[in-house]
Structure formats: C-alpha cells, structure tokens
Amino acid sequence: MNNVLQSVGILGTGSCLPEKEITNFDLEKMVDTSNDWIVSRTGIHTRRIADDSTATSDLATMAARKALKMANIKPEDLDLIIVATVTPDMAFPSTACIVQSNLGAANAAAFDLEAGCSGFLYGMTVGKQFIATGVYKYVLVIGAETLSKIMDWNDRNTCVLFGDGAGAVVLGPVEEGRGILSTYLGADGEKGKFLTQPAGGSRMPASIETVKQNLHYIKMDGSEVFKFAVRIMGDASKEALKLCNLNVEDVDYLVPHQANIRIILSAAKRLKLSMDKVYVNLDKYGNMSAASIPVALDEAVKQNKIRENDIVVLVGFGAGLTWGSCVVKW
C-alpha cells in the first residue's frame, strides 16, 4: 500500500468584483462618519456592492470560471466544489450546488463551508486532503460573499468595513516539494459572541420581532475582534511555517485577510516583512470576509507579485472566532 501523500498546489486563480462602488464620501451622507475617520482607523477608501439581482453564487460562478480557465481544467473534470461563505444564496440548497449547476460540473460533489473570514483557508485545507490522499484529483475552492445583503447601513461601526466579492482557486496534483506545504487552523468559540449574525437560524428563527430589531444584520464588538486579530495573524503564520520546517526569514510574500490596515501592518512586523512584500487591496474593496484572501491572491498573481519558487503565506481570522494560515511554494 502506498502511504506517500500527493503534493497539492494551486493550478489557477480567479476573482470577481461587483461594478458598483461605494466610497467613504458616499457613506458620509448615510451615517455619522467621515472619510478621514474611516481611512485612519481601517485603511479603507471604497468597497464594491452587489446589486439587488446579484447573489453570492453569481459572483462565485464568475470567479470559478476564471480560475478554471487559468488552470486549463474543464468543469466536468472537477471532483469537488467547496464554497466558503457566510452569505449563501439560501439555507439550502448549498451555494456550491448552485455553482456546480451553473458551471456544468456534473461529476463534482459540492458543499458549503462556514468559518467566517477564515473560510477560504479552511476550504483550502479540506480540499488539499482529498487530493493528497488520492480520493480526488481536482478541487475548486471558492470564497464568496455579498455582505452588503446583511449589512445595517445605519450602523456606522460596521457598514464602513465590509464589501462584496468572490475569489477562487483550482487545486490539483503538483510535483513533490511544491504547492501547499502546510496549513494551520484554529478556533476559539468562547470569543464567538464578538462577531455574530444573531437571527435567522434555529436559535432565533426569523420573525417580525427579529426583523424590527435588526437582528439579521452583522453585529460586531470591533475592539475585541481587533485585539484578537493583531495577535493571531502573526501567531498563525508562524505556526504554519513551523509545520513545514520554515522560518519567518524564508517568507517571500504575504497575502493576509483584508480587514484592517493596522492588523496587516502588525502581521508584517511579526514576520519581519517590508510592506512591498505584502499584498493590500482593502483600500479598494474593504473586508470581503471569505473572499478577501482569494481575491488578493488572484490579483497578486496577475500582477506578478508572486513568482515561481516564492514561499507565500496566506493568513486570516474571522467569525467563530476562527483563524487559518497556509504556506505555499509557488
């Protein structure tokens, strides 16, 4: 029996952003905030917002098609589709099944995965296992969100932070020593109360009262999440590096979750990386939850920021509270 695991890498990337843009100056007209306040505390200038007719699966499908094209993989060759999202089209069927239908990926199993902003890295880790163990050959992992649909546009503490988008990767076999070298996941459910969407599930089903009280919108204790993120982004990166016997000095490029520029700066400092080796696009898109990392990765690849043989760290944190990191040899 062959116990050697297949090396798994990223064969293609893709992303999709809605056309509509909301600037900080637009938000100044909606809530009590200012461009200077938002930029100084978050680094965000604009964000993309899906229109009323666009669902999460629509963005996910378009990102997936681009990733498949880069990978030169046909939809019918896919064995599995994983969609990481906290804003599915509906409770069921899964957004992944809707994407499967849209793509014509008739041979693929499909399911959604929910780990907040860490969801894409959770999905990468799950997909990698299937390929490494020889169960599947090609896995499509998508991070996609339409957070504007669950946003309280009267809450100045949250509406300035989030945006919509989707990013995707195709995972498949690569030569030994390349691709995904390690992944590291974690969660602290005790801190889950700091970032929630209270209503709409079995604990608090939708009712006239939950709608009146705005309980279907994102609720966040920003200071607690910030304190958690500043610590965990650096720690999770170091743990993933340790798992593949690498050090911070070996890192060539960092693709972090795009939540707050101060959090990204902290992660870079802990990894002793200059900011020219860190991809940042939150100024344009805000926090896209599970879509942030794959969109940033796709842009970094398309802009040749990431080159062959680079050691790349992907790292994020999110609702749960959760965290994840991944080391890739490109």
C-alpha atoms as a PDB file:
ATOM      1  CA  MET A   1       0.000   0.000   0.000  1.00  0.00           C
ATOM      2  CA  ASN A   2       1.314   3.446  -0.990  1.00  0.00           C
ATOM      3  CA  ASN A   3       1.285   5.790   2.015  1.00  0.00           C
ATOM      4  CA  VAL A   4       3.049   8.660   0.235  1.00  0.00           C
ATOM      5  CA  LEU A   5       0.785  11.713   0.030  1.00  0.00           C
ATOM      6  CA  GLN A   6       0.378  13.512  -3.276  1.00  0.00           C
ATOM      7  CA  SER A   7       1.684  17.085  -3.286  1.00  0.00           C
ATOM      8  CA  VAL A   8      -1.119  19.574  -3.901  1.00  0.00           C
ATOM      9  CA  GLY A   9      -0.862  23.020  -5.436  1.00  0.00           C
ATOM     10  CA  ILE A  10      -2.846  25.905  -6.861  1.00  0.00           C
ATOM     11  CA  LEU A  11      -3.299  25.416 -10.603  1.00  0.00           C
ATOM     12  CA  GLY A  12      -5.380  28.502 -11.297  1.00  0.00           C
ATOM     13  CA  THR A  13      -6.857  31.591  -9.629  1.00  0.00           C
ATOM     14  CA  GLY A  14      -9.789  33.841 -10.435  1.00  0.00           C
ATOM     15  CA  SER A  15     -11.844  36.642  -8.915  1.00  0.00           C
ATOM     16  CA  CYS A  16     -14.981  38.666  -9.492  1.00  0.00           C
ATOM     17  CA  LEU A  17     -15.970  42.058  -8.052  1.00  0.00           C
ATOM     18  CA  PRO A  18     -19.309  43.823  -8.491  1.00  0.00           C
ATOM     19  CA  GLU A  19     -19.185  47.004 -10.554  1.00  0.00           C
ATOM     20  CA  LYS A  20     -20.966  49.290  -8.066  1.00  0.00           C
ATOM     21  CA  GLU A  21     -18.647  51.189  -5.758  1.00  0.00           C
ATOM     22  CA  ILE A  22     -19.464  52.968  -2.502  1.00  0.00           C
ATOM     23  CA  THR A  23     -16.875  55.466  -1.319  1.00  0.00           C
ATOM     24  CA  ASN A  24     -16.277  56.835   2.146  1.00  0.00           C
ATOM     25  CA  PHE A  25     -17.735  60.119   0.896  1.00  0.00           C
ATOM     26  CA  ASP A  26     -20.936  58.289  -0.038  1.00  0.00           C
ATOM     27  CA  LEU A  27     -21.065  56.888   3.493  1.00  0.00           C
ATOM     28  CA  GLU A  28     -20.646  60.376   4.949  1.00  0.00           C
ATOM     29  CA  LYS A  29     -24.101  61.141   3.524  1.00  0.00           C
ATOM     30  CA  MET A  30     -25.619  57.988   5.054  1.00  0.00           C
ATOM     31  CA  VAL A  31     -24.246  57.793   8.601  1.00  0.00           C
ATOM     32  CA  ASP A  32     -22.331  59.931  11.095  1.00  0.00           C
ATOM     33  CA  THR A  33     -18.799  59.242   9.871  1.00  0.00           C
ATOM     34  CA  SER A  34     -16.073  60.831   7.771  1.00  0.00           C
ATOM     35  CA  ASN A  35     -13.562  59.791   5.146  1.00  0.00           C
ATOM     36  CA  ASP A  36     -10.665  60.769   7.438  1.00  0.00           C
ATOM     37  CA  TRP A  37     -12.037  58.709  10.326  1.00  0.00           C
ATOM     38  CA  ILE A  38     -12.538  55.586   8.188  1.00  0.00           C
ATOM     39  CA  VAL A  39      -9.153  55.803   6.464  1.00  0.00           C
ATOM     40  CA  SER A  40      -7.189  56.481   9.661  1.00  0.00           C
ATOM     41  CA  ARG A  41      -8.751  53.565  11.544  1.00  0.00           C
ATOM     42  CA  THR A  42      -9.150  50.985   8.779  1.00  0.00           C
ATOM     43  CA  GLY A  43      -7.277  51.984   5.618  1.00  0.00           C
ATOM     44  CA  ILE A  44     -10.459  51.550   3.554  1.00  0.00           C
ATOM     45  CA  HIS A  45     -11.404  54.113   0.870  1.00  0.00           C
ATOM     46  CA  THR A  46     -14.039  52.285  -1.193  1.00  0.00           C
ATOM     47  CA  ARG A  47     -15.874  48.977  -1.331  1.00  0.00           C
ATOM     48  CA  ARG A  48     -17.808  47.057  -4.028  1.00  0.00           C
ATOM     49  CA  ILE A  49     -21.503  46.316  -3.548  1.00  0.00           C
ATOM     50  CA  ALA A  50     -23.587  43.744  -5.439  1.00  0.00           C
ATOM     51  CA  ASP A  51     -26.854  44.952  -6.956  1.00  0.00           C
ATOM     52  CA  ASP A  52     -30.217  43.582  -5.866  1.00  0.00           C
ATOM     53  CA  SER A  53     -30.281  40.928  -8.604  1.00  0.00           C
ATOM     54  CA  THR A  54     -26.787  39.545  -7.862  1.00  0.00           C
ATOM     55  CA  ALA A  55     -26.401  36.707  -5.363  1.00  0.00           C
ATOM     56  CA  THR A  56     -23.297  35.117  -3.857  1.00  0.00           C
ATOM     57  CA  SER A  57     -23.468  32.222  -6.342  1.00  0.00           C
ATOM     58  CA  ASP A  58     -23.319  34.646  -9.277  1.00  0.00           C
ATOM     59  CA  LEU A  59     -20.024  36.166  -8.118  1.00  0.00           C
ATOM     60  CA  ALA A  60     -18.712  32.710  -7.159  1.00  0.00           C
ATOM     61  CA  THR A  61     -19.512  31.278 -10.589  1.00  0.00           C
ATOM     62  CA  MET A  62     -17.709  34.061 -12.444  1.00  0.00           C
ATOM     63  CA  ALA A  63     -14.608  33.752 -10.239  1.00  0.00           C
ATOM     64  CA  ALA A  64     -14.664  29.967 -10.696  1.00  0.00           C
ATOM     65  CA  ARG A  65     -14.778  30.228 -14.496  1.00  0.00           C
ATOM     66  CA  LYS A  66     -11.676  32.425 -14.481  1.00  0.00           C
ATOM     67  CA  ALA A  67      -9.805  30.033 -12.182  1.00  0.00           C
ATOM     68  CA  LEU A  68     -10.742  27.053 -14.361  1.00  0.00           C
ATOM     69  CA  LYS A  69      -9.571  28.885 -17.475  1.00  0.00           C
ATOM     70  CA  MET A  70      -6.171  29.657 -15.934  1.00  0.00           C
ATOM     71  CA  ALA A  71      -5.820  26.057 -14.757  1.00  0.00           C
ATOM     72  CA  ASN A  72      -6.936  24.754 -18.169  1.00  0.00           C
ATOM     73  CA  ILE A  73      -9.397  22.465 -16.398  1.00  0.00           C
ATOM     74  CA  LYS A  74     -12.875  21.711 -17.742  1.00  0.00           C
ATOM     75  CA  PRO A  75     -15.826  21.913 -15.317  1.00  0.00           C
ATOM     76  CA  GLU A  76     -16.613  18.243 -15.907  1.00  0.00           C
ATOM     77  CA  ASP A  77     -13.101  17.339 -14.693  1.00  0.00           C
ATOM     78  CA  LEU A  78     -13.797  18.747 -11.222  1.00  0.00           C
ATOM     79  CA  ASP A  79     -14.273  16.216  -8.434  1.00  0.00           C
ATOM     80  CA  LEU A  80     -15.346  18.598  -5.675  1.00  0.00           C
ATOM     81  CA  ILE A  81     -16.568  22.177  -5.235  1.00  0.00           C
ATOM     82  CA  ILE A  82     -16.260  23.899  -1.857  1.00  0.00           C
ATOM     83  CA  VAL A  83     -17.779  27.340  -1.333  1.00  0.00           C
ATOM     84  CA  ALA A  84     -16.742  29.205   1.803  1.00  0.00           C
ATOM     85  CA  THR A  85     -19.359  31.821   2.653  1.00  0.00           C
ATOM     86  CA  VAL A  86     -21.439  33.356   5.445  1.00  0.00           C
ATOM     87  CA  THR A  87     -23.869  34.796   2.896  1.00  0.00           C
ATOM     88  CA  PRO A  88     -25.202  31.794   0.953  1.00  0.00           C
ATOM     89  CA  ASP A  89     -27.943  32.309  -1.604  1.00  0.00           C
ATOM     90  CA  MET A  90     -30.256  30.463   0.799  1.00  0.00           C
ATOM     91  CA  ALA A  91     -30.051  27.925   3.612  1.00  0.00           C
ATOM     92  CA  PHE A  92     -30.404  25.107   1.094  1.00  0.00           C
ATOM     93  CA  PRO A  93     -29.522  24.011  -1.495  1.00  0.00           C
ATOM     94  CA  SER A  94     -25.914  24.949  -0.849  1.00  0.00           C
ATOM     95  CA  THR A  95     -24.339  27.745  -2.858  1.00  0.00           C
ATOM     96  CA  ALA A  96     -21.773  25.166  -4.002  1.00  0.00           C
ATOM     97  CA  CYS A  97     -24.536  23.096  -5.602  1.00  0.00           C
ATOM     98  CA  ILE A  98     -25.852  26.188  -7.384  1.00  0.00           C
ATOM     99  CA  VAL A  99     -22.335  26.911  -8.660  1.00  0.00           C
ATOM    100  CA  GLN A 100     -21.985  23.279  -9.750  1.00  0.00           C
ATOM    101  CA  SER A 101     -25.129  23.650 -11.843  1.00  0.00           C
ATOM    102  CA  ASN A 102     -24.002  26.994 -13.272  1.00  0.00           C
ATOM    103  CA  LEU A 103     -20.643  25.549 -14.332  1.00  0.00           C
ATOM    104  CA  GLY A 104     -21.983  22.260 -15.635  1.00  0.00           C
ATOM    105  CA  ALA A 105     -19.610  20.408 -13.304  1.00  0.00           C
ATOM    106  CA  ALA A 106     -21.782  17.307 -13.294  1.00  0.00           C
ATOM    107  CA  ASN A 107     -19.126  14.995 -11.817  1.00  0.00           C
ATOM    108  CA  ALA A 108     -18.324  17.132  -8.771  1.00  0.00           C
ATOM    109  CA  ALA A 109     -19.537  16.718  -5.234  1.00  0.00           C
ATOM    110  CA  ALA A 110     -20.396  20.084  -3.691  1.00  0.00           C
ATOM    111  CA  PHE A 111     -20.866  21.644  -0.273  1.00  0.00           C
ATOM    112  CA  ASP A 112     -20.623  24.965   1.581  1.00  0.00           C
ATOM    113  CA  LEU A 113     -18.227  25.621   4.434  1.00  0.00           C
ATOM    114  CA  GLU A 114     -18.707  28.327   7.050  1.00  0.00           C
ATOM    115  CA  ALA A 115     -15.771  29.650   9.078  1.00  0.00           C
ATOM    116  CA  GLY A 116     -16.252  33.394   8.624  1.00  0.00           C
ATOM    117  CA  CYS A 117     -13.354  35.269   7.078  1.00  0.00           C
ATOM    118  CA  SER A 118     -11.140  32.196   7.621  1.00  0.00           C
ATOM    119  CA  GLY A 119     -13.460  30.140   5.434  1.00  0.00           C
ATOM    120  CA  PHE A 120     -11.322  30.127   2.313  1.00  0.00           C
ATOM    121  CA  LEU A 121      -8.304  28.759   4.203  1.00  0.00           C
ATOM    122  CA  TYR A 122     -10.499  26.136   5.867  1.00  0.00           C
ATOM    123  CA  GLY A 123     -11.732  25.206   2.380  1.00  0.00           C
ATOM    124  CA  MET A 124      -8.179  25.012   1.011  1.00  0.00           C
ATOM    125  CA  THR A 125      -7.223  22.697   3.866  1.00  0.00           C
ATOM    126  CA  VAL A 126     -10.198  20.397   3.290  1.00  0.00           C
ATOM    127  CA  GLY A 127      -9.675  20.307  -0.472  1.00  0.00           C
ATOM    128  CA  LYS A 128      -5.987  19.566  -0.093  1.00  0.00           C
ATOM    129  CA  GLN A 129      -6.695  16.453   1.998  1.00  0.00           C
ATOM    130  CA  PHE A 130      -8.893  14.903  -0.684  1.00  0.00           C
ATOM    131  CA  ILE A 131      -6.218  15.303  -3.346  1.00  0.00           C
ATOM    132  CA  ALA A 132      -3.250  14.395  -1.117  1.00  0.00           C
ATOM    133  CA  THR A 133      -4.883  11.086  -0.171  1.00  0.00           C
ATOM    134  CA  GLY A 134      -5.795  10.219  -3.762  1.00  0.00           C
ATOM    135  CA  VAL A 135      -9.565  10.455  -3.312  1.00  0.00           C
ATOM    136  CA  TYR A 136      -9.961  13.315  -5.809  1.00  0.00           C
ATOM    137  CA  LYS A 137      -7.772  14.927  -8.457  1.00  0.00           C
ATOM    138  CA  TYR A 138      -9.198  18.427  -8.936  1.00  0.00           C
ATOM    139  CA  VAL A 139     -10.953  20.538  -6.298  1.00  0.00           C
ATOM    140  CA  LEU A 140     -12.422  24.007  -6.787  1.00  0.00           C
ATOM    141  CA  VAL A 141     -12.333  26.179  -3.657  1.00  0.00           C
ATOM    142  CA  ILE A 142     -14.247  29.464  -3.676  1.00  0.00           C
ATOM    143  CA  GLY A 143     -14.553  32.239  -1.122  1.00  0.00           C
ATOM    144  CA  ALA A 144     -17.591  34.372  -1.965  1.00  0.00           C
ATOM    145  CA  GLU A 145     -19.662  36.950  -0.095  1.00  0.00           C
ATOM    146  CA  THR A 146     -22.416  39.507  -0.532  1.00  0.00           C
ATOM    147  CA  LEU A 147     -22.059  41.044   2.907  1.00  0.00           C
ATOM    148  CA  SER A 148     -23.985  44.115   1.789  1.00  0.00           C
ATOM    149  CA  LYS A 149     -27.114  41.946   1.988  1.00  0.00           C
ATOM    150  CA  ILE A 150     -26.692  41.506   5.765  1.00  0.00           C
ATOM    151  CA  MET A 151     -25.359  44.986   6.494  1.00  0.00           C
ATOM    152  CA  ASP A 152     -27.095  47.532   8.708  1.00  0.00           C
ATOM    153  CA  TRP A 153     -26.447  50.666   6.693  1.00  0.00           C
ATOM    154  CA  ASN A 154     -27.415  52.748   9.731  1.00  0.00           C
ATOM    155  CA  ASP A 155     -24.666  51.224  11.884  1.00  0.00           C
ATOM    156  CA  ARG A 156     -21.560  53.331  11.348  1.00  0.00           C
ATOM    157  CA  ASN A 157     -19.386  50.815  13.219  1.00  0.00           C
ATOM    158  CA  THR A 158     -19.923  48.036  10.663  1.00  0.00           C
ATOM    159  CA  CYS A 159     -21.222  49.481   7.383  1.00  0.00           C
ATOM    160  CA  VAL A 160     -17.879  51.182   6.672  1.00  0.00           C
ATOM    161  CA  LEU A 161     -15.936  47.916   6.898  1.00  0.00           C
ATOM    162  CA  PHE A 162     -17.402  45.377   4.509  1.00  0.00           C
ATOM    163  CA  GLY A 163     -17.748  44.741   0.783  1.00  0.00           C
ATOM    164  CA  ASP A 164     -18.786  42.070  -1.720  1.00  0.00           C
ATOM    165  CA  GLY A 165     -16.729  39.838  -3.993  1.00  0.00           C
ATOM    166  CA  ALA A 166     -15.545  36.323  -4.840  1.00  0.00           C
ATOM    167  CA  GLY A 167     -12.237  34.579  -5.389  1.00  0.00           C
ATOM    168  CA  ALA A 168     -11.484  31.030  -6.462  1.00  0.00           C
ATOM    169  CA  VAL A 169      -8.643  28.568  -6.864  1.00  0.00           C
ATOM    170  CA  VAL A 170      -8.350  25.210  -8.575  1.00  0.00           C
ATOM    171  CA  LEU A 171      -6.329  22.713  -6.543  1.00  0.00           C
ATOM    172  CA  GLY A 172      -4.631  19.742  -8.145  1.00  0.00           C
ATOM    173  CA  PRO A 173      -1.562  17.470  -8.098  1.00  0.00           C
ATOM    174  CA  VAL A 174       1.876  19.087  -8.404  1.00  0.00           C
ATOM    175  CA  GLU A 175       5.411  17.761  -8.243  1.00  0.00           C
ATOM    176  CA  GLU A 176       6.817  16.788  -4.868  1.00  0.00           C
ATOM    177  CA  GLY A 177       8.106  19.646  -2.729  1.00  0.00           C
ATOM    178  CA  ARG A 178       5.878  22.266  -4.344  1.00  0.00           C
ATOM    179  CA  GLY A 179       2.405  23.618  -3.710  1.00  0.00           C
ATOM    180  CA  ILE A 180       0.764  23.700  -0.296  1.00  0.00           C
ATOM    181  CA  LEU A 181       3.491  22.879   2.226  1.00  0.00           C
ATOM    182  CA  SER A 182       1.361  23.238   5.363  1.00  0.00           C
ATOM    183  CA  THR A 183      -1.919  24.527   6.745  1.00  0.00           C
ATOM    184  CA  TYR A 184      -2.828  25.534  10.270  1.00  0.00           C
ATOM    185  CA  LEU A 185      -6.392  26.047  11.514  1.00  0.00           C
ATOM    186  CA  GLY A 186      -7.872  27.002  14.863  1.00  0.00           C
ATOM    187  CA  ALA A 187     -10.918  28.343  16.656  1.00  0.00           C
ATOM    188  CA  ASP A 188     -11.915  29.949  19.943  1.00  0.00           C
ATOM    189  CA  GLY A 189     -15.665  29.548  20.339  1.00  0.00           C
ATOM    190  CA  GLU A 190     -15.608  31.434  23.632  1.00  0.00           C
ATOM    191  CA  LYS A 191     -14.992  34.591  21.615  1.00  0.00           C
ATOM    192  CA  GLY A 192     -17.721  33.825  19.059  1.00  0.00           C
ATOM    193  CA  LYS A 193     -20.053  36.366  20.679  1.00  0.00           C
ATOM    194  CA  PHE A 194     -17.869  39.222  19.430  1.00  0.00           C
ATOM    195  CA  LEU A 195     -18.894  38.756  15.773  1.00  0.00           C
ATOM    196  CA  THR A 196     -22.363  37.417  15.004  1.00  0.00           C
ATOM    197  CA  GLN A 197     -25.485  37.480  12.877  1.00  0.00           C
ATOM    198  CA  PRO A 198     -27.939  36.739  15.718  1.00  0.00           C
ATOM    199  CA  ALA A 199     -31.165  35.856  13.910  1.00  0.00           C
ATOM    200  CA  GLY A 200     -32.192  33.602  11.048  1.00  0.00           C
ATOM    201  CA  GLY A 201     -31.051  30.256  12.450  1.00  0.00           C
ATOM    202  CA  SER A 202     -32.632  27.689  14.769  1.00  0.00           C
ATOM    203  CA  ARG A 203     -31.688  29.643  17.910  1.00  0.00           C
ATOM    204  CA  MET A 204     -33.604  32.710  16.794  1.00  0.00           C
ATOM    205  CA  PRO A 205     -35.773  31.979  13.735  1.00  0.00           C
ATOM    206  CA  ALA A 206     -36.896  34.854  11.553  1.00  0.00           C
ATOM    207  CA  SER A 207     -39.917  36.699  12.916  1.00  0.00           C
ATOM    208  CA  ILE A 208     -41.472  40.137  12.734  1.00  0.00           C
ATOM    209  CA  GLU A 209     -39.703  40.920  16.007  1.00  0.00           C
ATOM    210  CA  THR A 210     -36.221  39.868  14.821  1.00  0.00           C
ATOM    211  CA  VAL A 211     -36.625  41.972  11.695  1.00  0.00           C
ATOM    212  CA  LYS A 212     -37.787  45.001  13.703  1.00  0.00           C
ATOM    213  CA  GLN A 213     -34.766  44.683  15.994  1.00  0.00           C
ATOM    214  CA  ASN A 214     -32.305  44.428  13.062  1.00  0.00           C
ATOM    215  CA  LEU A 215     -31.070  41.053  14.324  1.00  0.00           C
ATOM    216  CA  HIS A 216     -30.420  39.696  10.835  1.00  0.00           C
ATOM    217  CA  TYR A 217     -27.524  42.111  10.375  1.00  0.00           C
ATOM    218  CA  ILE A 218     -23.837  41.778  11.311  1.00  0.00           C
ATOM    219  CA  LYS A 219     -23.119  42.634  14.953  1.00  0.00           C
ATOM    220  CA  MET A 220     -19.516  43.160  15.996  1.00  0.00           C
ATOM    221  CA  ASP A 221     -17.502  44.202  19.029  1.00  0.00           C
ATOM    222  CA  GLY A 222     -14.763  45.850  16.996  1.00  0.00           C
ATOM    223  CA  SER A 223     -12.248  46.386  19.789  1.00  0.00           C
ATOM    224  CA  GLU A 224     -12.355  42.747  20.926  1.00  0.00           C
ATOM    225  CA  VAL A 225     -12.033  41.411  17.381  1.00  0.00           C
ATOM    226  CA  PHE A 226      -9.146  43.804  16.740  1.00  0.00           C
ATOM    227  CA  LYS A 227      -7.238  42.651  19.841  1.00  0.00           C
ATOM    228  CA  PHE A 228      -7.727  39.021  18.822  1.00  0.00           C
ATOM    229  CA  ALA A 229      -6.679  39.626  15.206  1.00  0.00           C
ATOM    230  CA  VAL A 230      -3.490  41.536  15.971  1.00  0.00           C
ATOM    231  CA  ARG A 231      -2.189  38.579  17.949  1.00  0.00           C
ATOM    232  CA  ILE A 232      -3.479  35.670  15.918  1.00  0.00           C
ATOM    233  CA  MET A 233      -2.392  36.790  12.436  1.00  0.00           C
ATOM    234  CA  GLY A 234       1.292  36.670  13.362  1.00  0.00           C
ATOM    235  CA  ASP A 235       0.984  33.585  15.570  1.00  0.00           C
ATOM    236  CA  ALA A 236      -0.935  31.561  12.965  1.00  0.00           C
ATOM    237  CA  SER A 237       1.600  32.440  10.266  1.00  0.00           C
ATOM    238  CA  LYS A 238       4.479  31.279  12.456  1.00  0.00           C
ATOM    239  CA  GLU A 239       2.694  28.020  13.330  1.00  0.00           C
ATOM    240  CA  ALA A 240       2.147  27.158   9.660  1.00  0.00           C
ATOM    241  CA  LEU A 241       5.801  27.891   8.914  1.00  0.00           C
ATOM    242  CA  LYS A 242       6.867  25.698  11.804  1.00  0.00           C
ATOM    243  CA  LEU A 243       4.804  22.800  10.407  1.00  0.00           C
ATOM    244  CA  CYS A 244       6.850  22.787   7.181  1.00  0.00           C
ATOM    245  CA  ASN A 245      10.182  23.497   8.873  1.00  0.00           C
ATOM    246  CA  LEU A 246      10.494  27.063   7.622  1.00  0.00           C
ATOM    247  CA  ASN A 247      11.222  30.319   9.428  1.00  0.00           C
ATOM    248  CA  VAL A 248       9.935  33.864   9.035  1.00  0.00           C
ATOM    249  CA  GLU A 249      13.139  34.649   7.145  1.00  0.00           C
ATOM    250  CA  ASP A 250      12.067  32.213   4.427  1.00  0.00           C
ATOM    251  CA  VAL A 251       8.870  34.095   3.581  1.00  0.00           C
ATOM    252  CA  ASP A 252       8.891  35.905   0.225  1.00  0.00           C
ATOM    253  CA  TYR A 253       5.317  37.184   0.158  1.00  0.00           C
ATOM    254  CA  LEU A 254       2.322  37.580   2.475  1.00  0.00           C
ATOM    255  CA  VAL A 255      -1.322  37.557   1.397  1.00  0.00           C
ATOM    256  CA  PRO A 256      -3.324  38.418   4.525  1.00  0.00           C
ATOM    257  CA  HIS A 257      -7.035  38.718   5.181  1.00  0.00           C
ATOM    258  CA  GLN A 258      -8.032  42.278   4.290  1.00  0.00           C
ATOM    259  CA  ALA A 259      -9.818  43.554   7.382  1.00  0.00           C
ATOM    260  CA  ASN A 260      -7.833  46.497   8.727  1.00  0.00           C
ATOM    261  CA  ILE A 261      -4.543  48.066   7.676  1.00  0.00           C
ATOM    262  CA  ARG A 262      -3.316  48.192  11.284  1.00  0.00           C
ATOM    263  CA  ILE A 263      -3.822  44.437  11.618  1.00  0.00           C
ATOM    264  CA  ILE A 264      -1.963  43.817   8.356  1.00  0.00           C
ATOM    265  CA  LEU A 265       0.922  46.058   9.464  1.00  0.00           C
ATOM    266  CA  SER A 266       1.146  44.114  12.724  1.00  0.00           C
ATOM    267  CA  ALA A 267       1.287  40.774  10.881  1.00  0.00           C
ATOM    268  CA  ALA A 268       4.006  42.052   8.554  1.00  0.00           C
ATOM    269  CA  LYS A 269       6.026  43.302  11.505  1.00  0.00           C
ATOM    270  CA  ARG A 270       5.836  39.937  13.257  1.00  0.00           C
ATOM    271  CA  LEU A 271       7.012  38.231  10.080  1.00  0.00           C
ATOM    272  CA  LYS A 272       9.746  40.843   9.565  1.00  0.00           C
ATOM    273  CA  LEU A 273       8.423  41.626   6.091  1.00  0.00           C
ATOM    274  CA  SER A 274       8.554  45.019   4.415  1.00  0.00           C
ATOM    275  CA  MET A 275       5.181  46.152   3.084  1.00  0.00           C
ATOM    276  CA  ASP A 276       6.345  45.777  -0.520  1.00  0.00           C
ATOM    277  CA  LYS A 277       6.131  42.025   0.113  1.00  0.00           C
ATOM    278  CA  VAL A 278       2.581  42.220   1.478  1.00  0.00           C
ATOM    279  CA  TYR A 279      -0.470  42.401  -0.764  1.00  0.00           C
ATOM    280  CA  VAL A 280      -3.021  45.013   0.270  1.00  0.00           C
ATOM    281  CA  ASN A 281      -6.254  45.791  -1.553  1.00  0.00           C
ATOM    282  CA  LEU A 282      -8.617  46.577   1.331  1.00  0.00           C
ATOM    283  CA  ASP A 283      -8.338  50.257   0.395  1.00  0.00           C
ATOM    284  CA  LYS A 284     -10.336  49.365  -2.755  1.00  0.00           C
ATOM    285  CA  TYR A 285     -12.636  46.608  -1.522  1.00  0.00           C
ATOM    286  CA  GLY A 286     -12.901  46.650   2.271  1.00  0.00           C
ATOM    287  CA  ASN A 287     -13.363  43.398   4.166  1.00  0.00           C
ATOM    288  CA  MET A 288     -14.909  40.756   1.878  1.00  0.00           C
ATOM    289  CA  SER A 289     -14.809  38.018   4.537  1.00  0.00           C
ATOM    290  CA  ALA A 290     -14.091  34.615   2.917  1.00  0.00           C
ATOM    291  CA  ALA A 291     -13.474  36.315  -0.450  1.00  0.00           C
ATOM    292  CA  SER A 292     -10.693  38.623   0.784  1.00  0.00           C
ATOM    293  CA  ILE A 293      -7.740  36.233   0.599  1.00  0.00           C
ATOM    294  CA  PRO A 294      -8.553  34.550  -2.749  1.00  0.00           C
ATOM    295  CA  VAL A 295      -9.275  37.911  -4.415  1.00  0.00           C
ATOM    296  CA  ALA A 296      -5.985  39.320  -3.083  1.00  0.00           C
ATOM    297  CA  LEU A 297      -4.144  36.170  -4.174  1.00  0.00           C
ATOM    298  CA  ASP A 298      -5.575  36.351  -7.686  1.00  0.00           C
ATOM    299  CA  GLU A 299      -4.587  39.997  -8.045  1.00  0.00           C
ATOM    300  CA  ALA A 300      -1.093  39.366  -6.685  1.00  0.00           C
ATOM    301  CA  VAL A 301      -0.609  36.519  -9.166  1.00  0.00           C
ATOM    302  CA  LYS A 302      -1.928  38.556 -12.116  1.00  0.00           C
ATOM    303  CA  GLN A 303       0.374  41.458 -11.177  1.00  0.00           C
ATOM    304  CA  ASN A 304       3.421  39.124 -10.969  1.00  0.00           C
ATOM    305  CA  LYS A 305       3.936  39.986  -7.320  1.00  0.00           C
ATOM    306  CA  ILE A 306       4.257  36.251  -6.681  1.00  0.00           C
ATOM    307  CA  ARG A 307       6.887  34.392  -8.679  1.00  0.00           C
ATOM    308  CA  GLU A 308       7.906  30.791  -9.175  1.00  0.00           C
ATOM    309  CA  ASN A 309       9.529  29.215  -6.098  1.00  0.00           C
ATOM    310  CA  ASP A 310       8.356  32.029  -3.799  1.00  0.00           C
ATOM    311  CA  ILE A 311       7.336  30.981  -0.297  1.00  0.00           C
ATOM    312  CA  VAL A 312       3.916  32.569   0.170  1.00  0.00           C
ATOM    313  CA  VAL A 313       1.957  32.767   3.425  1.00  0.00           C
ATOM    314  CA  LEU A 314      -1.832  33.142   3.364  1.00  0.00           C
ATOM    315  CA  VAL A 315      -3.340  34.036   6.740  1.00  0.00           C
ATOM    316  CA  GLY A 316      -6.699  35.141   8.091  1.00  0.00           C
ATOM    317  CA  PHE A 317      -9.101  35.300  11.027  1.00  0.00           C
ATOM    318  CA  GLY A 318     -12.852  35.522  11.263  1.00  0.00           C
ATOM    319  CA  ALA A 319     -16.166  34.835  12.943  1.00  0.00           C
ATOM    320  CA  GLY A 320     -16.155  31.892  15.296  1.00  0.00           C
ATOM    321  CA  LEU A 321     -13.726  33.204  16.228  1.00  0.00           C
ATOM    322  CA  THR A 322     -11.537  31.266  13.815  1.00  0.00           C
ATOM    323  CA  TRP A 323      -8.132  31.523  12.217  1.00  0.00           C
ATOM    324  CA  GLY A 324      -6.193  29.845   9.452  1.00  0.00           C
ATOM    325  CA  SER A 325      -2.865  30.008   7.690  1.00  0.00           C
ATOM    326  CA  CYS A 326      -1.263  28.283   4.740  1.00  0.00           C
ATOM    327  CA  VAL A 327       2.272  28.124   3.364  1.00  0.00           C
ATOM    328  CA  VAL A 328       2.636  27.645  -0.378  1.00  0.00           C
ATOM    329  CA  LYS A 329       5.721  27.146  -2.518  1.00  0.00           C
ATOM    330  CA  TRP A 330       4.636  28.776  -5.755  1.00  0.00           C
END
